[in-house]
Amino acid sequence: LKPEDTAVYYCNAGKYLSTVMYWGQGT
């Protein structure tokens, strides 16, 4: 890990045949 990796990291998921994306709250 490098200092430039510092950030809030978010999980993302998509579903088949959908443009909707789901997001976590971040860590």
mmCIF file of all heavy atoms, coordinates in Angstrom:
data_MODEL
# 
_entry.id   MODEL 
# 
loop_
_atom_site.group_PDB 
_atom_site.id 
_atom_site.type_symbol 
_atom_site.label_atom_id 
_atom_site.label_alt_id 
_atom_site.label_comp_id 
_atom_site.label_asym_id 
_atom_site.label_entity_id 
_atom_site.label_seq_id 
_atom_site.pdbx_PDB_ins_code 
_atom_site.Cartn_x 
_atom_site.Cartn_y 
_atom_site.Cartn_z 
_atom_site.occupancy 
_atom_site.B_iso_or_equiv 
_atom_site.pdbx_formal_charge 
_atom_site.auth_seq_id 
_atom_site.auth_comp_id 
_atom_site.auth_asym_id 
_atom_site.auth_atom_id 
_atom_site.pdbx_PDB_model_num 
ATOM 1   N N   . LEU A 1 1  ? 0.818   -1.209  0.000   1.00 0.00 ? 1  LEU A N   1 
ATOM 2   C CA  . LEU A 1 1  ? 0.000   0.000   0.000   1.00 0.00 ? 1  LEU A CA  1 
ATOM 3   C C   . LEU A 1 1  ? 0.853   1.261   0.000   1.00 0.00 ? 1  LEU A C   1 
ATOM 4   O O   . LEU A 1 1  ? 1.915   1.319   0.620   1.00 0.00 ? 1  LEU A O   1 
ATOM 5   C CB  . LEU A 1 1  ? -0.938  -0.004  1.193   1.00 0.00 ? 1  LEU A CB  1 
ATOM 6   C CG  . LEU A 1 1  ? -2.153  -0.921  1.027   1.00 0.00 ? 1  LEU A CG  1 
ATOM 7   C CD1 . LEU A 1 1  ? -2.793  -1.219  2.378   1.00 0.00 ? 1  LEU A CD1 1 
ATOM 8   C CD2 . LEU A 1 1  ? -3.163  -0.279  0.086   1.00 0.00 ? 1  LEU A CD2 1 
ATOM 9   N N   . LYS A 1 2  ? 0.361   2.261   -0.709  1.00 0.00 ? 2  LYS A N   1 
ATOM 10  C CA  . LYS A 1 2  ? 1.010   3.551   -0.838  1.00 0.00 ? 2  LYS A CA  1 
ATOM 11  C C   . LYS A 1 2  ? 0.114   4.642   -0.273  1.00 0.00 ? 2  LYS A C   1 
ATOM 12  O O   . LYS A 1 2  ? -1.105  4.479   -0.220  1.00 0.00 ? 2  LYS A O   1 
ATOM 13  C CB  . LYS A 1 2  ? 1.300   3.848   -2.314  1.00 0.00 ? 2  LYS A CB  1 
ATOM 14  C CG  . LYS A 1 2  ? 2.116   2.790   -3.032  1.00 0.00 ? 2  LYS A CG  1 
ATOM 15  C CD  . LYS A 1 2  ? 2.219   3.111   -4.515  1.00 0.00 ? 2  LYS A CD  1 
ATOM 16  C CE  . LYS A 1 2  ? 3.020   2.064   -5.248  1.00 0.00 ? 2  LYS A CE  1 
ATOM 17  N NZ  . LYS A 1 2  ? 3.109   2.355   -6.703  1.00 0.00 ? 2  LYS A NZ  1 
ATOM 18  N N   . PRO A 1 3  ? 0.692   5.769   0.127   1.00 0.00 ? 3  PRO A N   1 
ATOM 19  C CA  . PRO A 1 3  ? -0.141  6.869   0.627   1.00 0.00 ? 3  PRO A CA  1 
ATOM 20  C C   . PRO A 1 3  ? -1.228  7.292   -0.360  1.00 0.00 ? 3  PRO A C   1 
ATOM 21  O O   . PRO A 1 3  ? -2.321  7.675   0.073   1.00 0.00 ? 3  PRO A O   1 
ATOM 22  C CB  . PRO A 1 3  ? 0.865   7.995   0.864   1.00 0.00 ? 3  PRO A CB  1 
ATOM 23  C CG  . PRO A 1 3  ? 2.133   7.276   1.191   1.00 0.00 ? 3  PRO A CG  1 
ATOM 24  C CD  . PRO A 1 3  ? 2.129   6.064   0.302   1.00 0.00 ? 3  PRO A CD  1 
ATOM 25  N N   . GLU A 1 4  ? -0.957  7.215   -1.651  1.00 0.00 ? 4  GLU A N   1 
ATOM 26  C CA  . GLU A 1 4  ? -1.951  7.603   -2.641  1.00 0.00 ? 4  GLU A CA  1 
ATOM 27  C C   . GLU A 1 4  ? -3.117  6.628   -2.740  1.00 0.00 ? 4  GLU A C   1 
ATOM 28  O O   . GLU A 1 4  ? -4.093  6.893   -3.448  1.00 0.00 ? 4  GLU A O   1 
ATOM 29  C CB  . GLU A 1 4  ? -1.310  7.796   -4.024  1.00 0.00 ? 4  GLU A CB  1 
ATOM 30  C CG  . GLU A 1 4  ? -0.483  6.617   -4.490  1.00 0.00 ? 4  GLU A CG  1 
ATOM 31  C CD  . GLU A 1 4  ? 1.000   6.808   -4.232  1.00 0.00 ? 4  GLU A CD  1 
ATOM 32  O OE1 . GLU A 1 4  ? 1.358   7.300   -3.143  1.00 0.00 ? 4  GLU A OE1 1 
ATOM 33  O OE2 . GLU A 1 4  ? 1.801   6.474   -5.133  1.00 0.00 ? 4  GLU A OE2 1 
ATOM 34  N N   . ASP A 1 5  ? -3.035  5.500   -2.054  1.00 0.00 ? 5  ASP A N   1 
ATOM 35  C CA  . ASP A 1 5  ? -4.167  4.588   -1.974  1.00 0.00 ? 5  ASP A CA  1 
ATOM 36  C C   . ASP A 1 5  ? -5.197  5.039   -0.940  1.00 0.00 ? 5  ASP A C   1 
ATOM 37  O O   . ASP A 1 5  ? -6.272  4.437   -0.846  1.00 0.00 ? 5  ASP A O   1 
ATOM 38  C CB  . ASP A 1 5  ? -3.700  3.169   -1.632  1.00 0.00 ? 5  ASP A CB  1 
ATOM 39  C CG  . ASP A 1 5  ? -2.839  2.559   -2.720  1.00 0.00 ? 5  ASP A CG  1 
ATOM 40  O OD1 . ASP A 1 5  ? -3.167  2.721   -3.911  1.00 0.00 ? 5  ASP A OD1 1 
ATOM 41  O OD2 . ASP A 1 5  ? -1.830  1.904   -2.368  1.00 0.00 ? 5  ASP A OD2 1 
ATOM 42  N N   . THR A 1 6  ? -4.867  6.044   -0.160  1.00 0.00 ? 6  THR A N   1 
ATOM 43  C CA  . THR A 1 6  ? -5.779  6.540   0.861   1.00 0.00 ? 6  THR A CA  1 
ATOM 44  C C   . THR A 1 6  ? -7.072  7.036   0.222   1.00 0.00 ? 6  THR A C   1 
ATOM 45  O O   . THR A 1 6  ? -7.052  7.889   -0.662  1.00 0.00 ? 6  THR A O   1 
ATOM 46  C CB  . THR A 1 6  ? -5.130  7.663   1.664   1.00 0.00 ? 6  THR A CB  1 
ATOM 47  O OG1 . THR A 1 6  ? -3.996  7.149   2.374   1.00 0.00 ? 6  THR A OG1 1 
ATOM 48  C CG2 . THR A 1 6  ? -6.111  8.252   2.673   1.00 0.00 ? 6  THR A CG2 1 
ATOM 49  N N   . ALA A 1 7  ? -8.194  6.501   0.670   1.00 0.00 ? 7  ALA A N   1 
ATOM 50  C CA  . ALA A 1 7  ? -9.496  6.851   0.108   1.00 0.00 ? 7  ALA A CA  1 
ATOM 51  C C   . ALA A 1 7  ? -10.576 6.104   0.875   1.00 0.00 ? 7  ALA A C   1 
ATOM 52  O O   . ALA A 1 7  ? -10.284 5.213   1.673   1.00 0.00 ? 7  ALA A O   1 
ATOM 53  C CB  . ALA A 1 7  ? -9.564  6.480   -1.378  1.00 0.00 ? 7  ALA A CB  1 
ATOM 54  N N   . VAL A 1 8  ? -11.810 6.473   0.601   1.00 0.00 ? 8  VAL A N   1 
ATOM 55  C CA  . VAL A 1 8  ? -12.938 5.656   1.012   1.00 0.00 ? 8  VAL A CA  1 
ATOM 56  C C   . VAL A 1 8  ? -13.181 4.641   -0.095  1.00 0.00 ? 8  VAL A C   1 
ATOM 57  O O   . VAL A 1 8  ? -13.318 5.008   -1.262  1.00 0.00 ? 8  VAL A O   1 
ATOM 58  C CB  . VAL A 1 8  ? -14.202 6.493   1.264   1.00 0.00 ? 8  VAL A CB  1 
ATOM 59  C CG1 . VAL A 1 8  ? -15.380 5.593   1.614   1.00 0.00 ? 8  VAL A CG1 1 
ATOM 60  C CG2 . VAL A 1 8  ? -13.955 7.496   2.385   1.00 0.00 ? 8  VAL A CG2 1 
ATOM 61  N N   . TYR A 1 9  ? -13.225 3.383   0.259   1.00 0.00 ? 9  TYR A N   1 
ATOM 62  C CA  . TYR A 1 9  ? -13.416 2.310   -0.696  1.00 0.00 ? 9  TYR A CA  1 
ATOM 63  C C   . TYR A 1 9  ? -14.861 1.832   -0.645  1.00 0.00 ? 9  TYR A C   1 
ATOM 64  O O   . TYR A 1 9  ? -15.396 1.541   0.424   1.00 0.00 ? 9  TYR A O   1 
ATOM 65  C CB  . TYR A 1 9  ? -12.462 1.149   -0.401  1.00 0.00 ? 9  TYR A CB  1 
ATOM 66  C CG  . TYR A 1 9  ? -11.052 1.439   -0.848  1.00 0.00 ? 9  TYR A CG  1 
ATOM 67  C CD1 . TYR A 1 9  ? -10.274 2.380   -0.189  1.00 0.00 ? 9  TYR A CD1 1 
ATOM 68  C CD2 . TYR A 1 9  ? -10.498 0.787   -1.950  1.00 0.00 ? 9  TYR A CD2 1 
ATOM 69  C CE1 . TYR A 1 9  ? -8.991  2.678   -0.606  1.00 0.00 ? 9  TYR A CE1 1 
ATOM 70  C CE2 . TYR A 1 9  ? -9.214  1.064   -2.376  1.00 0.00 ? 9  TYR A CE2 1 
ATOM 71  C CZ  . TYR A 1 9  ? -8.465  2.014   -1.700  1.00 0.00 ? 9  TYR A CZ  1 
ATOM 72  O OH  . TYR A 1 9  ? -7.177  2.291   -2.118  1.00 0.00 ? 9  TYR A OH  1 
ATOM 73  N N   . TYR A 1 10 ? -15.475 1.756   -1.815  1.00 0.00 ? 10 TYR A N   1 
ATOM 74  C CA  . TYR A 1 10 ? -16.875 1.388   -1.940  1.00 0.00 ? 10 TYR A CA  1 
ATOM 75  C C   . TYR A 1 10 ? -17.028 0.096   -2.725  1.00 0.00 ? 10 TYR A C   1 
ATOM 76  O O   . TYR A 1 10 ? -16.384 -0.090  -3.762  1.00 0.00 ? 10 TYR A O   1 
ATOM 77  C CB  . TYR A 1 10 ? -17.667 2.471   -2.668  1.00 0.00 ? 10 TYR A CB  1 
ATOM 78  C CG  . TYR A 1 10 ? -17.727 3.792   -1.946  1.00 0.00 ? 10 TYR A CG  1 
ATOM 79  C CD1 . TYR A 1 10 ? -16.772 4.781   -2.179  1.00 0.00 ? 10 TYR A CD1 1 
ATOM 80  C CD2 . TYR A 1 10 ? -18.748 4.069   -1.046  1.00 0.00 ? 10 TYR A CD2 1 
ATOM 81  C CE1 . TYR A 1 10 ? -16.826 5.995   -1.528  1.00 0.00 ? 10 TYR A CE1 1 
ATOM 82  C CE2 . TYR A 1 10 ? -18.811 5.278   -0.394  1.00 0.00 ? 10 TYR A CE2 1 
ATOM 83  C CZ  . TYR A 1 10 ? -17.845 6.244   -0.638  1.00 0.00 ? 10 TYR A CZ  1 
ATOM 84  O OH  . TYR A 1 10 ? -17.918 7.450   0.011   1.00 0.00 ? 10 TYR A OH  1 
ATOM 85  N N   . CYS A 1 11 ? -17.887 -0.757  -2.249  1.00 0.00 ? 11 CYS A N   1 
ATOM 86  C CA  . CYS A 1 11 ? -18.264 -1.961  -2.967  1.00 0.00 ? 11 CYS A CA  1 
ATOM 87  C C   . CYS A 1 11 ? -19.399 -1.645  -3.929  1.00 0.00 ? 11 CYS A C   1 
ATOM 88  O O   . CYS A 1 11 ? -20.273 -0.819  -3.629  1.00 0.00 ? 11 CYS A O   1 
ATOM 89  C CB  . CYS A 1 11 ? -18.693 -3.032  -1.966  1.00 0.00 ? 11 CYS A CB  1 
ATOM 90  S SG  . CYS A 1 11 ? -19.172 -4.609  -2.700  1.00 0.00 ? 11 CYS A SG  1 
ATOM 91  N N   . ASN A 1 12 ? -19.391 -2.300  -5.079  1.00 0.00 ? 12 ASN A N   1 
ATOM 92  C CA  . ASN A 1 12 ? -20.396 -2.077  -6.106  1.00 0.00 ? 12 ASN A CA  1 
ATOM 93  C C   . ASN A 1 12 ? -20.870 -3.412  -6.670  1.00 0.00 ? 12 ASN A C   1 
ATOM 94  O O   . ASN A 1 12 ? -20.097 -4.364  -6.771  1.00 0.00 ? 12 ASN A O   1 
ATOM 95  C CB  . ASN A 1 12 ? -19.806 -1.211  -7.225  1.00 0.00 ? 12 ASN A CB  1 
ATOM 96  C CG  . ASN A 1 12 ? -20.671 -1.166  -8.467  1.00 0.00 ? 12 ASN A CG  1 
ATOM 97  O OD1 . ASN A 1 12 ? -20.490 -1.977  -9.385  1.00 0.00 ? 12 ASN A OD1 1 
ATOM 98  N ND2 . ASN A 1 12 ? -21.596 -0.225  -8.501  1.00 0.00 ? 12 ASN A ND2 1 
ATOM 99  N N   . ALA A 1 13 ? -22.130 -3.462  -7.040  1.00 0.00 ? 13 ALA A N   1 
ATOM 100 C CA  . ALA A 1 13 ? -22.678 -4.658  -7.671  1.00 0.00 ? 13 ALA A CA  1 
ATOM 101 C C   . ALA A 1 13 ? -23.708 -4.273  -8.711  1.00 0.00 ? 13 ALA A C   1 
ATOM 102 O O   . ALA A 1 13 ? -24.486 -3.339  -8.513  1.00 0.00 ? 13 ALA A O   1 
ATOM 103 C CB  . ALA A 1 13 ? -23.304 -5.582  -6.630  1.00 0.00 ? 13 ALA A CB  1 
ATOM 104 N N   . GLY A 1 14 ? -23.724 -5.002  -9.814  1.00 0.00 ? 14 GLY A N   1 
ATOM 105 C CA  . GLY A 1 14 ? -24.742 -4.861  -10.835 1.00 0.00 ? 14 GLY A CA  1 
ATOM 106 C C   . GLY A 1 14 ? -25.547 -6.133  -10.936 1.00 0.00 ? 14 GLY A C   1 
ATOM 107 O O   . GLY A 1 14 ? -25.197 -7.155  -10.358 1.00 0.00 ? 14 GLY A O   1 
ATOM 108 N N   . LYS A 1 15 ? -26.649 -6.050  -11.670 1.00 0.00 ? 15 LYS A N   1 
ATOM 109 C CA  . LYS A 1 15 ? -27.507 -7.211  -11.860 1.00 0.00 ? 15 LYS A CA  1 
ATOM 110 C C   . LYS A 1 15 ? -27.717 -7.455  -13.350 1.00 0.00 ? 15 LYS A C   1 
ATOM 111 O O   . LYS A 1 15 ? -27.619 -6.536  -14.164 1.00 0.00 ? 15 LYS A O   1 
ATOM 112 C CB  . LYS A 1 15 ? -28.856 -7.025  -11.159 1.00 0.00 ? 15 LYS A CB  1 
ATOM 113 C CG  . LYS A 1 15 ? -28.738 -6.752  -9.664  1.00 0.00 ? 15 LYS A CG  1 
ATOM 114 C CD  . LYS A 1 15 ? -30.047 -6.983  -8.935  1.00 0.00 ? 15 LYS A CD  1 
ATOM 115 C CE  . LYS A 1 15 ? -30.302 -8.465  -8.735  1.00 0.00 ? 15 LYS A CE  1 
ATOM 116 N NZ  . LYS A 1 15 ? -31.502 -8.712  -7.904  1.00 0.00 ? 15 LYS A NZ  1 
ATOM 117 N N   . TYR A 1 16 ? -27.981 -8.692  -13.688 1.00 0.00 ? 16 TYR A N   1 
ATOM 118 C CA  . TYR A 1 16 ? -28.222 -9.056  -15.079 1.00 0.00 ? 16 TYR A CA  1 
ATOM 119 C C   . TYR A 1 16 ? -29.395 -8.272  -15.654 1.00 0.00 ? 16 TYR A C   1 
ATOM 120 O O   . TYR A 1 16 ? -30.422 -8.081  -14.997 1.00 0.00 ? 16 TYR A O   1 
ATOM 121 C CB  . TYR A 1 16 ? -28.511 -10.547 -15.192 1.00 0.00 ? 16 TYR A CB  1 
ATOM 122 C CG  . TYR A 1 16 ? -27.329 -11.432 -14.927 1.00 0.00 ? 16 TYR A CG  1 
ATOM 123 C CD1 . TYR A 1 16 ? -27.200 -12.101 -13.715 1.00 0.00 ? 16 TYR A CD1 1 
ATOM 124 C CD2 . TYR A 1 16 ? -26.334 -11.612 -15.888 1.00 0.00 ? 16 TYR A CD2 1 
ATOM 125 C CE1 . TYR A 1 16 ? -26.110 -12.917 -13.466 1.00 0.00 ? 16 TYR A CE1 1 
ATOM 126 C CE2 . TYR A 1 16 ? -25.242 -12.425 -15.643 1.00 0.00 ? 16 TYR A CE2 1 
ATOM 127 C CZ  . TYR A 1 16 ? -25.143 -13.076 -14.427 1.00 0.00 ? 16 TYR A CZ  1 
ATOM 128 O OH  . TYR A 1 16 ? -24.049 -13.895 -14.184 1.00 0.00 ? 16 TYR A OH  1 
ATOM 129 N N   . LEU A 1 17 ? -29.224 -7.799  -16.883 1.00 0.00 ? 17 LEU A N   1 
ATOM 130 C CA  . LEU A 1 17 ? -30.272 -7.103  -17.620 1.00 0.00 ? 17 LEU A CA  1 
ATOM 131 C C   . LEU A 1 17 ? -30.765 -5.854  -16.895 1.00 0.00 ? 17 LEU A C   1 
ATOM 132 O O   . LEU A 1 17 ? -31.932 -5.491  -16.986 1.00 0.00 ? 17 LEU A O   1 
ATOM 133 C CB  . LEU A 1 17 ? -31.442 -8.050  -17.901 1.00 0.00 ? 17 LEU A CB  1 
ATOM 134 C CG  . LEU A 1 17 ? -31.084 -9.335  -18.658 1.00 0.00 ? 17 LEU A CG  1 
ATOM 135 C CD1 . LEU A 1 17 ? -32.315 -10.208 -18.813 1.00 0.00 ? 17 LEU A CD1 1 
ATOM 136 C CD2 . LEU A 1 17 ? -30.477 -9.009  -20.015 1.00 0.00 ? 17 LEU A CD2 1 
ATOM 137 N N   . SER A 1 18 ? -29.869 -5.186  -16.196 1.00 0.00 ? 18 SER A N   1 
ATOM 138 C CA  . SER A 1 18 ? -30.226 -3.985  -15.459 1.00 0.00 ? 18 SER A CA  1 
ATOM 139 C C   . SER A 1 18 ? -29.079 -2.985  -15.508 1.00 0.00 ? 18 SER A C   1 
ATOM 140 O O   . SER A 1 18 ? -27.908 -3.371  -15.493 1.00 0.00 ? 18 SER A O   1 
ATOM 141 C CB  . SER A 1 18 ? -30.568 -4.311  -14.011 1.00 0.00 ? 18 SER A CB  1 
ATOM 142 O OG  . SER A 1 18 ? -30.831 -3.135  -13.269 1.00 0.00 ? 18 SER A OG  1 
ATOM 143 N N   . THR A 1 19 ? -29.428 -1.719  -15.570 1.00 0.00 ? 19 THR A N   1 
ATOM 144 C CA  . THR A 1 19 ? -28.430 -0.657  -15.506 1.00 0.00 ? 19 THR A CA  1 
ATOM 145 C C   . THR A 1 19 ? -28.260 -0.115  -14.091 1.00 0.00 ? 19 THR A C   1 
ATOM 146 O O   . THR A 1 19 ? -27.416 0.750   -13.864 1.00 0.00 ? 19 THR A O   1 
ATOM 147 C CB  . THR A 1 19 ? -28.804 0.505   -16.431 1.00 0.00 ? 19 THR A CB  1 
ATOM 148 O OG1 . THR A 1 19 ? -30.084 1.028   -16.048 1.00 0.00 ? 19 THR A OG1 1 
ATOM 149 C CG2 . THR A 1 19 ? -28.872 0.034   -17.880 1.00 0.00 ? 19 THR A CG2 1 
ATOM 150 N N   . VAL A 1 20 ? -29.039 -0.613  -13.153 1.00 0.00 ? 20 VAL A N   1 
ATOM 151 C CA  . VAL A 1 20 ? -28.975 -0.154  -11.777 1.00 0.00 ? 20 VAL A CA  1 
ATOM 152 C C   . VAL A 1 20 ? -27.712 -0.685  -11.111 1.00 0.00 ? 20 VAL A C   1 
ATOM 153 O O   . VAL A 1 20 ? -27.368 -1.862  -11.252 1.00 0.00 ? 20 VAL A O   1 
ATOM 154 C CB  . VAL A 1 20 ? -30.216 -0.590  -10.986 1.00 0.00 ? 20 VAL A CB  1 
ATOM 155 C CG1 . VAL A 1 20 ? -30.100 -0.164  -9.529  1.00 0.00 ? 20 VAL A CG1 1 
ATOM 156 C CG2 . VAL A 1 20 ? -31.469 -0.008  -11.611 1.00 0.00 ? 20 VAL A CG2 1 
ATOM 157 N N   . MET A 1 21 ? -27.027 0.167   -10.393 1.00 0.00 ? 21 MET A N   1 
ATOM 158 C CA  . MET A 1 21 ? -25.858 -0.220  -9.630  1.00 0.00 ? 21 MET A CA  1 
ATOM 159 C C   . MET A 1 21 ? -26.135 -0.028  -8.147  1.00 0.00 ? 21 MET A C   1 
ATOM 160 O O   . MET A 1 21 ? -26.762 0.949   -7.744  1.00 0.00 ? 21 MET A O   1 
ATOM 161 C CB  . MET A 1 21 ? -24.639 0.591   -10.044 1.00 0.00 ? 21 MET A CB  1 
ATOM 162 C CG  . MET A 1 21 ? -24.162 0.319   -11.460 1.00 0.00 ? 21 MET A CG  1 
ATOM 163 S SD  . MET A 1 21 ? -22.637 1.203   -11.860 1.00 0.00 ? 21 MET A SD  1 
ATOM 164 C CE  . MET A 1 21 ? -23.232 2.890   -11.853 1.00 0.00 ? 21 MET A CE  1 
ATOM 165 N N   . TYR A 1 22 ? -25.655 -0.952  -7.354  1.00 0.00 ? 22 TYR A N   1 
ATOM 166 C CA  . TYR A 1 22 ? -25.826 -0.901  -5.916  1.00 0.00 ? 22 TYR A CA  1 
ATOM 167 C C   . TYR A 1 22 ? -24.491 -0.589  -5.269  1.00 0.00 ? 22 TYR A C   1 
ATOM 168 O O   . TYR A 1 22 ? -23.438 -1.042  -5.727  1.00 0.00 ? 22 TYR A O   1 
ATOM 169 C CB  . TYR A 1 22 ? -26.383 -2.225  -5.396  1.00 0.00 ? 22 TYR A CB  1 
ATOM 170 C CG  . TYR A 1 22 ? -27.718 -2.574  -5.984  1.00 0.00 ? 22 TYR A CG  1 
ATOM 171 C CD1 . TYR A 1 22 ? -27.808 -3.332  -7.146  1.00 0.00 ? 22 TYR A CD1 1 
ATOM 172 C CD2 . TYR A 1 22 ? -28.897 -2.132  -5.393  1.00 0.00 ? 22 TYR A CD2 1 
ATOM 173 C CE1 . TYR A 1 22 ? -29.043 -3.641  -7.704  1.00 0.00 ? 22 TYR A CE1 1 
ATOM 174 C CE2 . TYR A 1 22 ? -30.127 -2.439  -5.941  1.00 0.00 ? 22 TYR A CE2 1 
ATOM 175 C CZ  . TYR A 1 22 ? -30.195 -3.191  -7.094  1.00 0.00 ? 22 TYR A CZ  1 
ATOM 176 O OH  . TYR A 1 22 ? -31.421 -3.490  -7.642  1.00 0.00 ? 22 TYR A OH  1 
ATOM 177 N N   . TRP A 1 23 ? -24.543 0.180   -4.191  1.00 0.00 ? 23 TRP A N   1 
ATOM 178 C CA  . TRP A 1 23 ? -23.335 0.651   -3.530  1.00 0.00 ? 23 TRP A CA  1 
ATOM 179 C C   . TRP A 1 23 ? -23.386 0.397   -2.041  1.00 0.00 ? 23 TRP A C   1 
ATOM 180 O O   . TRP A 1 23 ? -24.437 0.502   -1.413  1.00 0.00 ? 23 TRP A O   1 
ATOM 181 C CB  . TRP A 1 23 ? -23.152 2.152   -3.757  1.00 0.00 ? 23 TRP A CB  1 
ATOM 182 C CG  . TRP A 1 23 ? -22.958 2.522   -5.191  1.00 0.00 ? 23 TRP A CG  1 
ATOM 183 C CD1 . TRP A 1 23 ? -23.923 2.859   -6.085  1.00 0.00 ? 23 TRP A CD1 1 
ATOM 184 C CD2 . TRP A 1 23 ? -21.714 2.590   -5.891  1.00 0.00 ? 23 TRP A CD2 1 
ATOM 185 N NE1 . TRP A 1 23 ? -23.356 3.143   -7.314  1.00 0.00 ? 23 TRP A NE1 1 
ATOM 186 C CE2 . TRP A 1 23 ? -22.013 2.985   -7.218  1.00 0.00 ? 23 TRP A CE2 1 
ATOM 187 C CE3 . TRP A 1 23 ? -20.395 2.366   -5.530  1.00 0.00 ? 23 TRP A CE3 1 
ATOM 188 C CZ2 . TRP A 1 23 ? -21.019 3.153   -8.176  1.00 0.00 ? 23 TRP A CZ2 1 
ATOM 189 C CZ3 . TRP A 1 23 ? -19.410 2.526   -6.482  1.00 0.00 ? 23 TRP A CZ3 1 
ATOM 190 C CH2 . TRP A 1 23 ? -19.725 2.919   -7.787  1.00 0.00 ? 23 TRP A CH2 1 
ATOM 191 N N   . GLY A 1 24 ? -22.237 0.078   -1.483  1.00 0.00 ? 24 GLY A N   1 
ATOM 192 C CA  . GLY A 1 24 ? -22.106 0.012   -0.043  1.00 0.00 ? 24 GLY A CA  1 
ATOM 193 C C   . GLY A 1 24 ? -21.877 1.395   0.542   1.00 0.00 ? 24 GLY A C   1 
ATOM 194 O O   . GLY A 1 24 ? -21.809 2.397   -0.174  1.00 0.00 ? 24 GLY A O   1 
ATOM 195 N N   . GLN A 1 25 ? -21.754 1.446   1.856   1.00 0.00 ? 25 GLN A N   1 
ATOM 196 C CA  . GLN A 1 25 ? -21.602 2.729   2.543   1.00 0.00 ? 25 GLN A CA  1 
ATOM 197 C C   . GLN A 1 25 ? -20.170 3.237   2.536   1.00 0.00 ? 25 GLN A C   1 
ATOM 198 O O   . GLN A 1 25 ? -19.920 4.401   2.836   1.00 0.00 ? 25 GLN A O   1 
ATOM 199 C CB  . GLN A 1 25 ? -22.097 2.606   3.989   1.00 0.00 ? 25 GLN A CB  1 
ATOM 200 C CG  . GLN A 1 25 ? -21.112 1.993   4.972   1.00 0.00 ? 25 GLN A CG  1 
ATOM 201 C CD  . GLN A 1 25 ? -20.920 0.497   4.803   1.00 0.00 ? 25 GLN A CD  1 
ATOM 202 O OE1 . GLN A 1 25 ? -21.640 -0.163  4.064   1.00 0.00 ? 25 GLN A OE1 1 
ATOM 203 N NE2 . GLN A 1 25 ? -19.933 -0.049  5.515   1.00 0.00 ? 25 GLN A NE2 1 
ATOM 204 N N   . GLY A 1 26 ? -19.232 2.386   2.201   1.00 0.00 ? 26 GLY A N   1 
ATOM 205 C CA  . GLY A 1 26 ? -17.837 2.761   2.141   1.00 0.00 ? 26 GLY A CA  1 
ATOM 206 C C   . GLY A 1 26 ? -17.080 2.411   3.402   1.00 0.00 ? 26 GLY A C   1 
ATOM 207 O O   . GLY A 1 26 ? -17.637 2.378   4.497   1.00 0.00 ? 26 GLY A O   1 
ATOM 208 N N   . THR A 1 27 ? -15.794 2.146   3.238   1.00 0.00 ? 27 THR A N   1 
ATOM 209 C CA  . THR A 1 27 ? -14.910 1.903   4.361   1.00 0.00 ? 27 THR A CA  1 
ATOM 210 C C   . THR A 1 27 ? -13.613 2.670   4.129   1.00 0.00 ? 27 THR A C   1 
ATOM 211 O O   . THR A 1 27 ? -13.058 2.673   3.036   1.00 0.00 ? 27 THR A O   1 
ATOM 212 C CB  . THR A 1 27 ? -14.641 0.389   4.550   1.00 0.00 ? 27 THR A CB  1 
ATOM 213 O OG1 . THR A 1 27 ? -13.860 0.181   5.731   1.00 0.00 ? 27 THR A OG1 1 
ATOM 214 C CG2 . THR A 1 27 ? -13.920 -0.212  3.353   1.00 0.00 ? 27 THR A CG2 1 
# 
